[in-house]
Amino acid sequence: MACLAVLALALYGFLGKSANQKVKTGGGKPLVKVVTVTRADMMRHIDLSGQTVADANIPLAPKYTGRVTEVRAKLGDAVEAGDVLMVQDTGDLDISIAENAAATGAARADAREARASYDANYIKARNDLELEQSKYERNQYLYSIGAISQDTLDSVKQEYLASQAAFNVLADQVEGGSAASVESKAYTAEKSAHATDALRRQREDMYLRAPRAGVIGYRNVEAGEIVSAGTKVFSLVDNSHLNVDCTLAESDAAILKPGMEVEVTIDALGADYPGKIVYVSPAMDDTSKTYQVRIELETDSDEMKAGLFAHTAIDILQLRAKASRTALRSS
């Protein structure tokens, strides 16, 4: 009991001292403190990371199945557009081209012969018609004066009508200045010529060429092999222009815009490179639920390669604030 009394007395003395001090300091009235609150600009910090991507990485495959006679490109070779990388056997095609070329020549000769024959027949039929018409007109006059019989006139008329029919047969073949029989021969020759051209193009396709300048990044073919059409034998990598492909979260998709300039860090090279955002995908990828962003690097460094990890960060102003002075009252 004595201990409890002492504890209560000590607590009373402490509370009383605190109350007296408060009254002494503030007199029991509320204190007012004025502070200045400044609204700063709201910034969005966006981190982007991805890999460097070559301007082109093209798989190359033969168009036709065939035996490889020559391989002219090695792994790592720098090539120019049009350079021959691989050659397939063209022996059978050469024979077919020669045969078709001969057939084309024969068909064109037949077309010339048909035209000459038609022209000769046409001229003869026209002359025969003119002769028979003149003969018939003379016999009509003779018949009118009683010099010949009706039978004689009818016979001459039949000869005239027969020559007229023969001429009409040849004349009716002409359409657009060329007779049908001649056109048929000409079309046969043209068809044969097209077949020859197709074989020549096929022969040209037996030479696999580089579609653009670049470096051979893959090779899987040797002379003597028989490669199937569509089988990848080379890949051509063009590192002349490099990009960085990144993914972007939905919350940042509406903020980034093409044309924004950035500084891209490539850790493997220990350097920063200037770049510019050139593409922000207009729709979300259904699988990853992200947006694609492409940054075009502005550099011609020979050290730059595709597949290097790269990252950058962008601070974008979201809202510009205004300063204000506010009084805060505390009780």
Protein backbone atom coordinates (compact mmCIF):
# COMPACT_ATOMS: atom_id res chain seq x y z
CA MET A 1 0.00 0.00 0.00
CA ALA A 2 2.78 2.43 0.80
CA CYS A 3 4.38 1.72 -2.59
CA LEU A 4 1.16 2.38 -4.43
CA ALA A 5 0.72 5.67 -2.65
CA VAL A 6 4.21 6.80 -3.59
CA LEU A 7 3.65 5.84 -7.28
CA ALA A 8 0.37 7.75 -7.47
CA LEU A 9 1.96 10.82 -5.91
CA ALA A 10 4.81 10.77 -8.44
CA LEU A 11 2.40 10.44 -11.42
CA TYR A 12 0.31 13.36 -10.14
CA GLY A 13 3.38 15.56 -9.83
CA PHE A 14 4.50 14.74 -13.42
CA LEU A 15 1.12 15.49 -15.00
CA GLY A 16 0.76 18.67 -13.06
CA LYS A 17 4.17 19.90 -14.20
CA SER A 18 3.35 19.20 -17.85
CA ALA A 19 0.05 21.06 -17.64
CA ASN A 20 1.70 24.07 -16.00
CA GLN A 21 4.39 24.14 -18.65
CA LYS A 22 1.81 24.07 -21.51
CA VAL A 23 -0.11 26.96 -20.06
CA LYS A 24 3.08 28.87 -19.51
CA THR A 25 4.27 28.30 -23.08
CA GLY A 26 1.07 28.79 -25.03
CA GLY A 27 -1.34 30.09 -22.57
CA GLY A 28 -3.72 27.28 -23.59
CA LYS A 29 -4.33 28.89 -27.06
CA PRO A 30 -3.86 27.02 -30.42
CA LEU A 31 -0.53 27.53 -32.16
CA VAL A 32 -0.46 28.71 -35.86
CA LYS A 33 2.46 27.79 -38.14
CA VAL A 34 2.76 29.03 -41.74
CA VAL A 35 4.64 26.87 -44.25
CA THR A 36 5.20 27.12 -48.02
CA VAL A 37 4.25 24.08 -50.12
CA THR A 38 5.74 23.96 -53.62
CA ARG A 39 4.23 21.61 -56.21
CA ALA A 40 7.04 20.07 -58.30
CA ASP A 41 6.71 18.76 -61.86
CA MET A 42 5.52 15.15 -61.99
CA MET A 43 7.97 12.98 -63.93
CA ARG A 44 7.58 9.40 -65.18
CA HIS A 45 10.75 7.30 -65.14
CA ILE A 46 10.72 4.51 -67.72
CA ASP A 47 13.40 1.83 -67.98
CA LEU A 48 13.81 0.04 -71.32
CA SER A 49 16.00 -2.96 -72.02
CA GLY A 50 16.40 -5.32 -74.92
CA GLN A 51 18.83 -6.67 -77.49
CA THR A 52 20.49 -5.17 -80.52
CA VAL A 53 18.89 -6.35 -83.74
CA ALA A 54 20.49 -6.36 -87.18
CA ASP A 55 18.94 -4.36 -89.97
CA ALA A 56 18.47 -7.66 -91.80
CA ASN A 57 19.09 -11.34 -91.11
CA ILE A 58 18.05 -13.19 -94.25
CA PRO A 59 17.99 -16.98 -94.63
CA LEU A 60 19.07 -18.04 -98.13
CA ALA A 61 17.90 -21.26 -99.79
CA PRO A 62 17.99 -22.64 -103.36
CA LYS A 63 14.83 -22.37 -105.41
CA TYR A 64 15.31 -25.77 -107.06
CA THR A 65 16.65 -29.14 -105.98
CA GLY A 66 20.03 -29.93 -107.50
CA ARG A 67 23.64 -30.95 -107.03
CA VAL A 68 26.01 -28.25 -105.81
CA THR A 69 28.99 -27.77 -108.10
CA GLU A 70 30.60 -24.76 -106.41
CA VAL A 71 30.44 -22.85 -103.12
CA ARG A 72 31.93 -19.37 -103.35
CA ALA A 73 31.25 -17.91 -99.89
CA LYS A 74 32.74 -18.77 -96.52
CA LEU A 75 31.47 -18.08 -93.03
CA GLY A 76 32.21 -14.46 -92.13
CA ASP A 77 32.73 -13.27 -95.71
CA ALA A 78 31.57 -9.76 -96.52
CA VAL A 79 29.55 -9.82 -99.74
CA GLU A 80 27.86 -7.30 -101.98
CA ALA A 81 24.43 -7.44 -103.58
CA GLY A 82 24.46 -9.82 -106.55
CA ASP A 83 27.55 -11.79 -105.52
CA VAL A 84 27.27 -15.51 -106.34
CA LEU A 85 27.34 -17.60 -103.18
CA MET A 86 26.61 -21.07 -104.57
CA VAL A 87 26.25 -22.75 -107.98
CA GLN A 88 24.13 -25.82 -108.80
CA ASP A 89 24.56 -28.18 -111.76
CA THR A 90 23.07 -26.69 -114.96
CA GLY A 91 23.97 -29.48 -117.43
CA ASP A 92 20.45 -30.81 -117.96
CA LEU A 93 19.05 -27.31 -118.20
CA ASP A 94 21.61 -26.38 -120.84
CA ILE A 95 20.43 -29.30 -123.00
CA SER A 96 16.76 -28.38 -122.51
CA ILE A 97 17.46 -24.75 -123.34
CA ALA A 98 19.23 -25.77 -126.57
CA GLU A 99 16.34 -28.06 -127.55
CA ASN A 100 13.74 -25.39 -126.86
CA ALA A 101 15.74 -22.75 -128.68
CA ALA A 102 15.85 -25.03 -131.74
CA ALA A 103 12.12 -25.69 -131.47
CA THR A 104 11.52 -21.95 -131.24
CA GLY A 105 13.56 -21.37 -134.38
CA ALA A 106 11.61 -24.06 -136.23
CA ALA A 107 8.29 -22.63 -135.08
CA ARG A 108 9.27 -19.16 -136.24
CA ALA A 109 10.31 -20.59 -139.63
CA ASP A 110 6.91 -22.31 -139.87
CA ALA A 111 5.23 -19.00 -139.09
CA ARG A 112 7.17 -17.25 -141.87
CA GLU A 113 6.32 -20.07 -144.29
CA ALA A 114 2.65 -19.90 -143.33
CA ARG A 115 2.59 -16.14 -143.94
CA ALA A 116 4.28 -16.47 -147.33
CA SER A 117 1.89 -19.27 -148.34
CA TYR A 118 -1.14 -17.33 -147.17
CA ASP A 119 -0.05 -14.18 -148.98
CA ALA A 120 0.48 -16.16 -152.19
CA ASN A 121 -2.91 -17.89 -151.94
CA TYR A 122 -4.60 -14.61 -151.12
CA ILE A 123 -3.13 -12.87 -154.15
CA LYS A 124 -4.06 -15.80 -156.43
CA ALA A 125 -7.62 -15.95 -155.06
CA ARG A 126 -8.04 -12.22 -155.50
CA ASN A 127 -6.77 -12.35 -159.11
CA ASP A 128 -8.99 -15.36 -159.89
CA LEU A 129 -12.00 -13.52 -158.50
CA GLU A 130 -11.27 -10.43 -160.56
CA LEU A 131 -10.86 -12.57 -163.68
CA GLU A 132 -14.05 -14.56 -163.12
CA GLN A 133 -16.00 -11.41 -162.30
CA SER A 134 -14.86 -9.77 -165.54
CA LYS A 135 -15.70 -12.94 -167.48
CA TYR A 136 -19.15 -13.14 -165.89
CA GLU A 137 -19.91 -9.51 -166.69
CA ARG A 138 -18.94 -10.04 -170.36
CA ASN A 139 -21.15 -13.11 -170.59
CA GLN A 140 -24.03 -11.20 -169.08
CA TYR A 141 -23.72 -8.72 -171.94
CA LEU A 142 -23.51 -11.50 -174.52
CA TYR A 143 -26.56 -13.15 -173.02
CA SER A 144 -28.46 -9.84 -173.16
CA ILE A 145 -27.91 -9.60 -176.91
CA GLY A 146 -28.70 -13.28 -177.47
CA ALA A 147 -25.14 -14.31 -178.30
CA ILE A 148 -24.99 -17.12 -175.68
CA SER A 149 -27.45 -19.42 -174.03
CA GLN A 150 -28.71 -19.41 -170.46
CA ASP A 151 -26.76 -22.58 -169.73
CA THR A 152 -23.52 -20.94 -170.79
CA LEU A 153 -24.23 -17.92 -168.61
CA ASP A 154 -25.10 -20.15 -165.64
CA SER A 155 -21.86 -22.08 -166.04
CA VAL A 156 -19.81 -18.88 -166.07
CA LYS A 157 -21.74 -17.62 -163.05
CA GLN A 158 -20.94 -20.78 -161.09
CA GLU A 159 -17.25 -20.34 -161.81
CA TYR A 160 -17.49 -16.72 -160.64
CA LEU A 161 -19.29 -17.66 -157.40
CA ALA A 162 -16.74 -20.42 -156.68
CA SER A 163 -13.81 -18.00 -157.05
CA GLN A 164 -15.63 -15.49 -154.86
CA ALA A 165 -16.14 -18.12 -152.13
CA ALA A 166 -12.49 -19.14 -152.29
CA PHE A 167 -11.41 -15.54 -151.89
CA ASN A 168 -13.84 -14.95 -148.99
CA VAL A 169 -12.43 -17.95 -147.13
CA LEU A 170 -9.00 -16.38 -147.15
CA ALA A 171 -10.25 -12.83 -146.54
CA ASP A 172 -12.40 -13.87 -143.56
CA GLN A 173 -9.32 -15.25 -141.79
CA VAL A 174 -7.87 -11.76 -141.49
CA GLU A 175 -8.46 -9.93 -138.19
CA GLY A 176 -6.32 -7.02 -137.15
CA GLY A 177 -4.19 -7.34 -140.29
CA SER A 178 -3.12 -10.98 -139.74
CA ALA A 179 -4.64 -14.25 -140.90
CA ALA A 180 -5.71 -16.86 -138.36
CA SER A 181 -3.55 -19.61 -139.86
CA VAL A 182 -0.53 -17.34 -139.71
CA GLU A 183 -1.32 -16.20 -136.15
CA SER A 184 -1.56 -19.83 -135.02
CA LYS A 185 1.97 -20.52 -136.23
CA ALA A 186 3.22 -17.26 -134.71
CA TYR A 187 1.66 -18.09 -131.33
CA THR A 188 3.27 -21.52 -131.40
CA ALA A 189 6.65 -19.90 -131.94
CA GLU A 190 5.97 -17.35 -129.17
CA LYS A 191 4.96 -20.11 -126.75
CA SER A 192 8.16 -21.99 -127.49
CA ALA A 193 10.18 -18.81 -126.95
CA HIS A 194 8.53 -18.24 -123.56
CA ALA A 195 9.33 -21.83 -122.57
CA THR A 196 12.95 -21.20 -123.49
CA ASP A 197 13.01 -18.00 -121.45
CA ALA A 198 11.55 -19.88 -118.47
CA LEU A 199 14.34 -22.46 -118.70
CA ARG A 200 16.93 -19.67 -118.91
CA ARG A 201 15.49 -18.09 -115.77
CA GLN A 202 15.55 -21.44 -114.04
CA ARG A 203 19.19 -21.79 -115.03
CA GLU A 204 19.91 -18.34 -113.59
CA ASP A 205 18.23 -19.39 -110.34
CA MET A 206 20.77 -22.19 -110.04
CA TYR A 207 23.19 -19.42 -109.09
CA LEU A 208 22.34 -18.41 -105.51
CA ARG A 209 23.14 -14.71 -105.14
CA ALA A 210 23.32 -12.29 -102.22
CA PRO A 211 20.16 -10.15 -102.18
CA ARG A 212 22.01 -7.26 -100.47
CA ALA A 213 25.32 -6.36 -98.90
CA GLY A 214 26.17 -8.03 -95.62
CA VAL A 215 28.18 -10.73 -93.86
CA ILE A 216 27.69 -14.49 -94.16
CA GLY A 217 26.51 -15.47 -90.69
CA TYR A 218 25.60 -19.10 -91.45
CA ARG A 219 26.80 -21.68 -93.96
CA ASN A 220 25.72 -25.30 -94.24
CA VAL A 221 26.59 -26.56 -97.73
CA GLU A 222 29.53 -28.12 -99.53
CA ALA A 223 30.30 -28.81 -103.18
CA GLY A 224 28.98 -32.18 -104.34
CA GLU A 225 25.93 -32.19 -102.08
CA ILE A 226 22.41 -32.47 -103.44
CA VAL A 227 20.37 -29.79 -101.75
CA SER A 228 16.59 -29.67 -101.74
CA ALA A 229 14.59 -26.64 -102.74
CA GLY A 230 13.88 -24.39 -99.78
CA THR A 231 16.67 -25.80 -97.57
CA LYS A 232 18.55 -23.03 -95.72
CA VAL A 233 22.21 -23.06 -96.75
CA PHE A 234 23.30 -19.50 -95.88
CA SER A 235 22.19 -16.57 -93.81
CA LEU A 236 23.08 -12.99 -94.64
CA VAL A 237 23.43 -10.51 -91.77
CA ASP A 238 23.44 -6.77 -92.42
CA ASN A 239 24.83 -4.88 -89.42
CA SER A 240 25.15 -1.58 -91.24
CA HIS A 241 22.19 -0.30 -89.24
CA LEU A 242 21.39 -1.67 -85.79
CA ASN A 243 18.26 -1.32 -83.70
CA VAL A 244 17.32 -2.19 -80.15
CA ASP A 245 14.02 -3.99 -79.66
CA CYS A 246 12.43 -3.57 -76.22
CA THR A 247 9.14 -4.40 -74.57
CA LEU A 248 6.96 -1.80 -72.92
CA ALA A 249 4.38 -2.18 -70.15
CA GLU A 250 0.81 -1.13 -70.73
CA SER A 251 1.05 1.78 -68.29
CA ASP A 252 3.83 3.38 -70.34
CA ALA A 253 2.45 2.60 -73.82
CA ALA A 254 0.72 5.95 -74.27
CA ILE A 255 3.71 8.00 -73.11
CA LEU A 256 6.51 6.98 -75.47
CA LYS A 257 6.32 8.46 -78.94
CA PRO A 258 8.38 7.92 -82.11
CA GLY A 259 11.05 10.58 -82.50
CA MET A 260 12.12 10.69 -78.84
CA GLU A 261 15.90 10.74 -78.48
CA VAL A 262 17.62 8.46 -75.95
CA GLU A 263 21.08 7.37 -74.84
CA VAL A 264 21.50 3.60 -75.08
CA THR A 265 24.04 1.78 -72.93
CA ILE A 266 25.61 -1.44 -74.20
CA ASP A 267 27.41 -3.06 -71.30
CA ALA A 268 29.41 -5.49 -73.44
CA LEU A 269 31.07 -2.55 -75.21
CA GLY A 270 31.18 -0.31 -72.16
CA ALA A 271 29.82 2.63 -74.11
CA ASP A 272 26.73 4.77 -74.66
CA TYR A 273 25.30 5.39 -78.10
CA PRO A 274 22.75 7.95 -79.27
CA GLY A 275 19.47 6.58 -80.49
CA LYS A 276 15.95 7.51 -81.43
CA ILE A 277 12.64 5.75 -80.91
CA VAL A 278 11.32 4.92 -84.36
CA TYR A 279 8.43 2.59 -83.55
CA VAL A 280 5.95 1.95 -80.76
CA SER A 281 3.53 -0.88 -81.54
CA PRO A 282 -0.05 0.32 -81.90
CA ALA A 283 -1.53 -2.79 -80.27
CA MET A 284 -0.68 -5.06 -77.37
CA ASP A 285 0.82 -8.46 -78.03
CA ASP A 286 -1.81 -11.02 -77.06
CA THR A 287 0.74 -13.47 -75.67
CA SER A 288 3.12 -11.27 -73.67
CA LYS A 289 0.60 -8.49 -72.93
CA THR A 290 3.30 -5.93 -73.74
CA TYR A 291 4.03 -3.39 -76.46
CA GLN A 292 7.01 -3.47 -78.81
CA VAL A 293 9.42 -0.53 -78.99
CA ARG A 294 12.23 -0.14 -81.52
CA ILE A 295 15.16 2.24 -81.00
CA GLU A 296 17.36 3.03 -83.98
CA LEU A 297 21.00 3.44 -83.01
CA GLU A 298 22.95 6.25 -84.62
CA THR A 299 26.41 4.72 -84.90
CA ASP A 300 28.72 3.17 -87.47
CA SER A 301 30.90 1.35 -84.95
CA ASP A 302 32.47 -1.84 -86.34
CA GLU A 303 32.33 -3.36 -82.86
CA MET A 304 28.56 -3.31 -82.81
CA LYS A 305 26.92 -6.70 -83.30
CA ALA A 306 23.43 -8.10 -83.15
CA GLY A 307 22.26 -9.80 -79.97
CA LEU A 308 24.01 -7.54 -77.41
CA PHE A 309 22.11 -6.55 -74.28
CA ALA A 310 21.21 -2.85 -74.26
CA HIS A 311 19.28 -0.61 -71.91
CA THR A 312 18.21 2.99 -71.49
CA ALA A 313 15.99 5.12 -69.27
CA ILE A 314 13.68 8.01 -70.08
CA ASP A 315 12.30 10.65 -67.74
CA ILE A 316 9.12 12.11 -69.20
CA LEU A 317 7.21 15.10 -67.86
CA GLN A 318 3.66 14.09 -67.00
CA LEU A 319 2.30 17.21 -65.29
CA ARG A 320 3.73 20.71 -64.84
CA ALA A 321 2.93 22.03 -61.37
CA LYS A 322 2.34 25.59 -60.06
CA ALA A 323 3.77 26.90 -56.77
CA SER A 324 1.29 27.88 -54.05
CA ARG A 325 1.44 29.22 -50.48
CA THR A 326 -0.72 27.39 -47.99
CA ALA A 327 -1.35 28.07 -44.29
CA LEU A 328 -1.58 25.00 -42.13
CA ARG A 329 -3.35 25.40 -38.78
CA SER A 330 -2.65 23.00 -35.98
CA SER A 331 -4.53 22.84 -32.73
